[in-house]
Amino acid sequence: MKVAIILFNLGGPDSPKAVRPFLRNLFNDPAIITVPGPIRWFLSHLISLRRAPIAREIYQHLGGKSPLLGLTRKQAQALEDQFDGGDEVKTFIAMRYWHPMSDETAQAVKSFAPERIILLPLYPQFSTTTTGSSLTDWQRAARQADINVPTIAICCYPEEPGFISAIATQTVAAIKEAAKSGNPRVLFSAHGLPRKIVDGGDPYVDHVEMTAAAIVENIAQTDLDWTVCYQSRVGPLEWVGPATEDEIERAGRDGIPLVVVPIAFVSEHSETLVELDIEYKELAFACGVPAYHRVRTVCSDLSFIGGLKNLVDLALETIKKGDIDESLKISSYSNDRICSNHCPKCPNTQRN
């Protein structure tokens, strides 16, 4: 059986000239700015015009472009290499806001002519603004490409053992290093969301907390000092908290070292390489934090890639049992709904 695995991620500009159109695509997404289309189009042009110079300066630290696509290609190849014999499995990449985007990926998938498709977002925690937006856009592109293939979408995997193990192993090493400067505090930092999105039933914050708790359980260190916080706030809206900047300042007042763990990113990009490694590190030392250690993202860590392989195997097992028709089936990493009832935006509405 020919199987196509589509890996979804945000995408990033591949040159300084691409920064503004990348931002325009981002802010024209109805999952990001929830206003009528014509107003959103106008705002996307205005915001991208104003933010482009700042963003270009950020990407200058990274050689003028985002490293995300290259790292995602390595993840895709590493995952594809996990399969040998039996099914013919091929991985594809669909970025949300810059190339390769869903339309061009759909054409490549169409040429491959798979018998089944597995949609695998590289967002471990579900949000309507990330996974939800990517899946919606893929369905549109697949319809336009006339792809009529039974499809399973893995909506989330916040506690997937391979993912958790990959982060926990690096975190333990960072804690040991930071302990040379005192008893460290671990900041599990995730990309923030406006409060109104979470209050509207988006399960993202719940999933982030699940990930942090699972890592702490895996570390199994008595009296570990840790907290969840959120970075990358923009605009005048109220965002979920506490903010990572505020937690860094608190650590400075307490005079304790920090271990910062990005738990909502699986690849390095501007929010880790610039925001965490440069801006927040400078803030930490300015506030009197005695030591600052940032844990790397999982990237192509074998435990993480093995976890992705397990997710695909679960989906393939569901396919081979015949528990899927021509429509899109949504499944979590546990093949069951993991969200509480106060998260109506969870796409997994059925319990198996």
Protein backbone atom coordinates (compact mmCIF):
# COMPACT_ATOMS: atom_id res chain seq x y z
CA MET A 1 0.00 0.00 0.00
CA LYS A 2 1.31 3.44 -0.93
CA VAL A 3 1.11 5.84 2.01
CA ALA A 4 1.79 9.58 1.97
CA ILE A 5 2.72 11.27 5.25
CA ILE A 6 2.25 15.04 5.23
CA LEU A 7 4.29 16.92 7.84
CA PHE A 8 2.88 20.34 8.69
CA ASN A 9 4.69 23.31 10.17
CA LEU A 10 4.57 27.08 10.21
CA GLY A 11 7.20 27.81 7.59
CA GLY A 12 9.52 30.79 7.48
CA PRO A 13 10.97 33.28 5.02
CA ASP A 14 13.77 31.95 2.83
CA SER A 15 15.25 35.39 2.08
CA PRO A 16 14.96 38.99 3.34
CA LYS A 17 12.55 39.72 0.46
CA ALA A 18 10.26 36.94 1.66
CA VAL A 19 9.82 38.38 5.15
CA ARG A 20 6.95 40.74 4.35
CA PRO A 21 4.90 38.31 2.21
CA PHE A 22 5.44 35.63 4.86
CA LEU A 23 4.03 37.99 7.50
CA ARG A 24 1.20 38.99 5.19
CA ASN A 25 0.21 35.34 4.75
CA LEU A 26 0.38 34.85 8.52
CA PHE A 27 -1.84 37.78 9.43
CA ASN A 28 -4.29 37.06 6.61
CA ASP A 29 -5.13 33.69 8.16
CA PRO A 30 -8.67 33.79 9.62
CA ALA A 31 -7.47 31.51 12.42
CA ILE A 32 -5.03 34.25 13.48
CA ILE A 33 -7.09 37.40 12.94
CA THR A 34 -10.78 36.62 13.31
CA VAL A 35 -12.36 39.54 11.44
CA PRO A 36 -14.19 39.65 8.09
CA GLY A 37 -12.06 38.95 5.04
CA PRO A 38 -11.70 42.45 3.56
CA ILE A 39 -10.74 43.91 6.95
CA ARG A 40 -8.31 41.07 7.59
CA TRP A 41 -6.72 41.59 4.16
CA PHE A 42 -6.20 45.27 4.93
CA LEU A 43 -4.81 44.54 8.40
CA SER A 44 -2.45 41.87 7.08
CA HIS A 45 -0.92 44.37 4.66
CA LEU A 46 -0.67 47.06 7.32
CA ILE A 47 0.80 44.82 10.03
CA SER A 48 3.27 43.16 7.66
CA LEU A 49 4.46 46.56 6.44
CA ARG A 50 5.10 47.73 9.99
CA ARG A 51 6.62 44.50 11.32
CA ALA A 52 8.78 43.57 8.32
CA PRO A 53 11.78 45.76 9.29
CA ILE A 54 11.81 44.31 12.82
CA ALA A 55 11.46 40.77 11.50
CA ARG A 56 14.25 41.26 8.95
CA GLU A 57 16.53 42.38 11.76
CA ILE A 58 15.65 39.22 13.68
CA TYR A 59 16.37 36.99 10.68
CA GLN A 60 19.70 38.73 10.14
CA HIS A 61 20.87 36.80 13.20
CA LEU A 62 20.01 33.64 11.24
CA GLY A 63 21.71 34.55 7.97
CA GLY A 64 18.69 36.36 6.57
CA LYS A 65 16.33 33.41 6.50
CA SER A 66 14.56 30.85 8.66
CA PRO A 67 16.24 27.47 9.21
CA LEU A 68 12.86 25.78 9.68
CA LEU A 69 12.44 24.23 6.23
CA GLY A 70 15.88 22.64 6.23
CA LEU A 71 15.34 21.17 9.68
CA THR A 72 11.88 19.91 8.71
CA ARG A 73 13.32 18.21 5.64
CA LYS A 74 15.76 16.37 7.90
CA GLN A 75 12.87 15.30 10.13
CA ALA A 76 10.87 14.13 7.12
CA GLN A 77 13.77 12.08 5.80
CA ALA A 78 14.53 10.63 9.22
CA LEU A 79 10.90 9.55 9.57
CA GLU A 80 10.78 8.06 6.09
CA ASP A 81 13.95 6.09 6.86
CA GLN A 82 12.10 4.40 9.73
CA PHE A 83 10.00 2.42 7.24
CA ASP A 84 11.39 -0.54 5.34
CA GLY A 85 9.51 -3.17 3.42
CA GLY A 86 5.76 -3.70 3.32
CA ASP A 87 4.11 -0.39 2.66
CA GLU A 88 5.64 2.19 0.34
CA VAL A 89 5.82 5.27 2.54
CA LYS A 90 6.82 8.73 1.36
CA THR A 91 6.97 11.92 3.40
CA PHE A 92 5.95 15.37 2.19
CA ILE A 93 6.14 18.83 3.79
CA ALA A 94 3.37 21.44 3.80
CA MET A 95 4.18 24.80 5.37
CA ARG A 96 1.36 27.13 6.32
CA TYR A 97 2.73 30.57 5.48
CA TRP A 98 5.68 30.05 3.13
CA HIS A 99 6.85 27.52 0.58
CA PRO A 100 6.26 24.66 0.14
CA MET A 101 2.62 25.43 0.95
CA SER A 102 -0.42 23.16 0.79
CA ASP A 103 -1.27 23.73 -2.88
CA GLU A 104 2.15 22.77 -4.22
CA THR A 105 2.43 19.86 -1.78
CA ALA A 106 -1.00 18.60 -2.82
CA GLN A 107 0.16 18.46 -6.43
CA ALA A 108 3.23 16.43 -5.40
CA VAL A 109 1.05 14.06 -3.39
CA LYS A 110 -1.33 13.72 -6.33
CA SER A 111 1.59 12.66 -8.55
CA PHE A 112 2.67 10.08 -5.96
CA ALA A 113 -0.86 8.63 -6.11
CA PRO A 114 -1.07 7.27 -2.56
CA GLU A 115 -3.78 4.87 -1.44
CA ARG A 116 -3.86 6.40 2.04
CA ILE A 117 -2.77 9.73 3.53
CA ILE A 118 -1.64 10.49 7.09
CA LEU A 119 -1.55 14.12 8.19
CA LEU A 120 1.08 14.67 10.88
CA PRO A 121 1.43 18.22 12.25
CA LEU A 122 4.75 19.10 13.85
CA TYR A 123 2.78 20.87 16.57
CA PRO A 124 2.58 18.44 19.53
CA GLN A 125 -0.14 20.52 21.21
CA PHE A 126 -3.30 21.25 19.23
CA SER A 127 -4.43 24.80 18.61
CA THR A 128 -6.92 26.18 16.15
CA THR A 129 -4.22 28.68 15.17
CA THR A 130 -1.64 26.07 14.19
CA THR A 131 -2.79 22.48 13.58
CA GLY A 132 -6.38 23.52 13.02
CA SER A 133 -5.40 26.12 10.43
CA SER A 134 -3.01 23.72 8.67
CA LEU A 135 -5.58 20.92 8.44
CA THR A 136 -8.25 23.29 7.12
CA ASP A 137 -5.90 24.60 4.46
CA TRP A 138 -4.83 21.08 3.48
CA GLN A 139 -8.43 19.98 3.01
CA ARG A 140 -9.00 22.96 0.72
CA ALA A 141 -5.86 22.20 -1.31
CA ALA A 142 -6.66 18.48 -1.50
CA ARG A 143 -10.14 19.22 -2.85
CA GLN A 144 -8.72 21.55 -5.49
CA ALA A 145 -6.17 18.89 -6.48
CA ASP A 146 -8.98 16.30 -6.65
CA ILE A 147 -7.36 14.06 -4.05
CA ASN A 148 -9.98 11.56 -2.87
CA VAL A 149 -8.00 9.26 -0.60
CA PRO A 150 -8.91 7.97 2.89
CA THR A 151 -7.06 10.25 5.27
CA ILE A 152 -6.21 10.22 8.98
CA ALA A 153 -5.09 13.40 10.73
CA ILE A 154 -3.17 13.07 13.99
CA CYS A 155 -4.40 16.14 15.81
CA CYS A 156 -2.06 16.14 18.83
CA TYR A 157 0.50 14.22 20.86
CA PRO A 158 1.35 16.33 23.92
CA GLU A 159 2.38 13.32 26.02
CA GLU A 160 3.81 11.04 23.33
CA PRO A 161 6.57 9.06 25.11
CA GLY A 162 9.28 9.55 22.49
CA PHE A 163 8.67 13.30 22.36
CA ILE A 164 8.69 13.54 26.16
CA SER A 165 11.80 11.39 26.52
CA ALA A 166 13.75 13.48 24.00
CA ILE A 167 13.05 16.68 25.92
CA ALA A 168 13.50 15.15 29.38
CA THR A 169 16.93 13.72 28.58
CA GLN A 170 18.26 17.11 27.50
CA THR A 171 16.57 18.87 30.41
CA VAL A 172 18.23 16.60 32.97
CA ALA A 173 21.64 17.41 31.48
CA ALA A 174 20.89 21.15 31.56
CA ILE A 175 19.69 20.96 35.18
CA LYS A 176 22.96 19.30 36.21
CA GLU A 177 24.97 22.03 34.50
CA ALA A 178 22.84 24.84 35.94
CA ALA A 179 23.10 23.33 39.44
CA LYS A 180 26.74 24.44 39.52
CA SER A 181 25.35 27.95 40.09
CA GLY A 182 22.64 27.02 42.59
CA ASN A 183 19.31 25.20 42.70
CA PRO A 184 17.87 25.93 39.24
CA ARG A 185 14.33 26.71 38.18
CA VAL A 186 13.00 25.12 34.99
CA LEU A 187 10.89 27.33 32.72
CA PHE A 188 8.81 25.33 30.26
CA SER A 189 8.31 28.05 27.65
CA ALA A 190 5.65 27.77 24.94
CA HIS A 191 4.50 30.19 22.27
CA GLY A 192 1.69 32.31 23.69
CA LEU A 193 -1.89 32.77 22.52
CA PRO A 194 -4.33 35.64 23.02
CA ARG A 195 -6.50 34.95 26.05
CA LYS A 196 -9.71 35.25 24.02
CA ILE A 197 -8.71 32.26 21.86
CA VAL A 198 -8.12 30.06 24.90
CA ASP A 199 -11.31 31.30 26.57
CA GLY A 200 -13.13 30.36 23.37
CA GLY A 201 -12.32 26.69 23.95
CA ASP A 202 -8.92 26.21 22.31
CA PRO A 203 -7.19 23.27 24.09
CA TYR A 204 -3.64 24.52 23.53
CA VAL A 205 -2.90 25.65 27.09
CA ASP A 206 -4.22 22.38 28.53
CA HIS A 207 -1.97 20.46 26.13
CA VAL A 208 1.07 22.56 27.02
CA GLU A 209 0.48 21.82 30.69
CA MET A 210 0.15 18.10 29.87
CA THR A 211 3.53 18.18 28.13
CA ALA A 212 5.24 19.97 31.02
CA ALA A 213 3.76 17.59 33.61
CA ALA A 214 4.82 14.55 31.57
CA ILE A 215 8.40 15.84 31.31
CA VAL A 216 8.54 16.49 35.05
CA GLU A 217 7.24 12.97 35.72
CA ASN A 218 9.88 11.54 33.39
CA ILE A 219 12.66 13.51 35.11
CA ALA A 220 11.46 12.22 38.48
CA GLN A 221 13.49 14.70 40.51
CA THR A 222 12.24 15.40 44.02
CA ASP A 223 11.29 19.02 44.69
CA LEU A 224 12.01 20.17 41.14
CA ASP A 225 11.35 23.92 40.85
CA TRP A 226 9.44 24.41 37.60
CA THR A 227 6.72 26.45 35.94
CA VAL A 228 5.00 26.85 32.58
CA CYS A 229 5.25 30.22 30.85
CA TYR A 230 4.54 31.78 27.46
CA GLN A 231 6.67 33.79 25.06
CA SER A 232 6.34 35.84 21.85
CA ARG A 233 3.55 38.21 22.85
CA VAL A 234 2.63 40.80 20.21
CA GLY A 235 -0.09 43.44 19.96
CA PRO A 236 -2.42 45.00 22.52
CA LEU A 237 -4.54 41.93 23.34
CA GLU A 238 -4.33 40.14 26.67
CA TRP A 239 -2.27 36.95 26.28
CA VAL A 240 -2.10 33.81 28.38
CA GLY A 241 0.47 33.91 31.13
CA PRO A 242 2.66 34.01 32.96
CA ALA A 243 4.98 35.60 30.42
CA THR A 244 8.44 34.12 30.02
CA GLU A 245 9.96 37.59 30.47
CA ASP A 246 8.19 37.98 33.81
CA GLU A 247 9.44 34.59 34.98
CA ILE A 248 12.99 35.51 34.01
CA GLU A 249 12.71 38.71 36.03
CA ARG A 250 11.33 36.73 39.00
CA ALA A 251 14.30 34.38 38.82
CA GLY A 252 16.58 37.39 38.85
CA ARG A 253 14.94 38.68 42.02
CA ASP A 254 15.24 35.22 43.56
CA GLY A 255 18.88 34.97 42.46
CA ILE A 256 18.53 31.48 41.00
CA PRO A 257 19.81 29.93 37.75
CA LEU A 258 17.43 29.08 34.92
CA VAL A 259 16.91 26.17 32.59
CA VAL A 260 14.63 27.25 29.73
CA VAL A 261 12.87 24.46 27.85
CA PRO A 262 10.90 25.22 24.66
CA ILE A 263 8.11 22.64 24.73
CA ALA A 264 5.83 23.76 21.88
CA PHE A 265 8.56 23.88 19.21
CA VAL A 266 10.14 20.77 17.67
CA SER A 267 12.64 22.67 15.49
CA GLU A 268 14.95 25.63 15.94
CA HIS A 269 13.77 28.92 14.46
CA SER A 270 13.58 32.60 15.34
CA GLU A 271 11.64 32.10 18.59
CA THR A 272 14.36 29.82 19.93
CA LEU A 273 17.56 30.98 18.24
CA VAL A 274 16.89 34.69 18.65
CA GLU A 275 14.17 35.24 21.25
CA LEU A 276 15.37 32.61 23.74
CA ASP A 277 19.09 32.48 22.94
CA ILE A 278 19.75 36.19 22.52
CA GLU A 279 16.96 38.44 23.80
CA TYR A 280 15.86 36.45 26.85
CA LYS A 281 19.42 35.48 27.73
CA GLU A 282 20.41 39.17 27.76
CA LEU A 283 17.36 39.93 29.90
CA ALA A 284 18.29 37.14 32.33
CA PHE A 285 21.79 38.42 32.95
CA ALA A 286 20.56 42.02 33.16
CA CYS A 287 18.13 40.89 35.88
CA GLY A 288 20.82 39.11 37.87
CA VAL A 289 20.11 35.50 36.92
CA PRO A 290 23.40 33.71 37.79
CA ALA A 291 23.20 31.14 34.95
CA TYR A 292 20.99 30.67 31.89
CA HIS A 293 20.77 27.34 30.06
CA ARG A 294 18.49 26.74 27.09
CA VAL A 295 17.52 23.19 26.13
CA ARG A 296 17.63 22.47 22.40
CA THR A 297 14.47 21.56 20.51
CA VAL A 298 14.04 17.88 19.65
CA CYS A 299 14.66 18.33 15.89
CA SER A 300 15.68 14.89 14.55
CA ASP A 301 16.36 13.29 17.94
CA LEU A 302 15.94 9.54 17.50
CA SER A 303 13.48 9.27 20.39
CA PHE A 304 11.29 11.98 18.86
CA ILE A 305 11.45 10.50 15.36
CA GLY A 306 10.66 7.11 16.86
CA GLY A 307 7.65 8.69 18.54
CA LEU A 308 6.47 10.06 15.18
CA LYS A 309 6.92 6.57 13.71
CA ASN A 310 4.71 5.18 16.47
CA LEU A 311 2.03 7.75 15.63
CA VAL A 312 2.12 6.74 11.98
CA ASP A 313 2.03 3.03 12.90
CA LEU A 314 -1.10 3.64 14.98
CA ALA A 315 -2.74 5.40 12.06
CA LEU A 316 -1.73 2.61 9.66
CA GLU A 317 -3.18 0.03 12.03
CA THR A 318 -6.47 1.95 12.05
CA ILE A 319 -6.40 2.04 8.25
CA LYS A 320 -5.73 -1.67 7.90
CA LYS A 321 -8.58 -2.49 10.27
CA GLY A 322 -10.83 -0.69 7.81
CA ASP A 323 -11.85 1.87 10.42
CA ILE A 324 -11.81 4.71 7.92
CA ASP A 325 -13.84 5.76 4.91
CA GLU A 326 -13.27 8.38 2.23
CA SER A 327 -13.63 11.23 4.71
CA LEU A 328 -11.07 12.77 7.05
CA LYS A 329 -10.67 11.00 10.38
CA ILE A 330 -9.22 12.93 13.32
CA SER A 331 -7.24 11.01 15.92
CA SER A 332 -5.06 11.97 18.89
CA TYR A 333 -1.83 10.15 19.72
CA SER A 334 -3.79 7.86 22.04
CA ASN A 335 -6.48 7.18 19.42
CA ASP A 336 -8.97 8.78 21.80
CA ARG A 337 -10.12 12.23 22.82
CA ILE A 338 -7.78 13.63 25.47
CA CYS A 339 -9.35 17.08 25.89
CA SER A 340 -11.71 17.99 28.70
CA ASN A 341 -15.26 19.12 28.07
CA HIS A 342 -14.33 22.79 28.46
CA CYS A 343 -12.35 22.59 25.19
CA PRO A 344 -15.07 22.60 22.51
CA LYS A 345 -12.52 23.49 19.82
CA CYS A 346 -10.92 20.04 20.18
CA PRO A 347 -11.37 18.44 16.71
CA ASN A 348 -11.52 14.90 18.09
CA THR A 349 -15.21 14.74 18.90
CA GLN A 350 -15.63 10.98 19.13
CA ARG A 351 -14.32 8.53 21.71
CA ASN A 352 -13.27 5.14 20.40
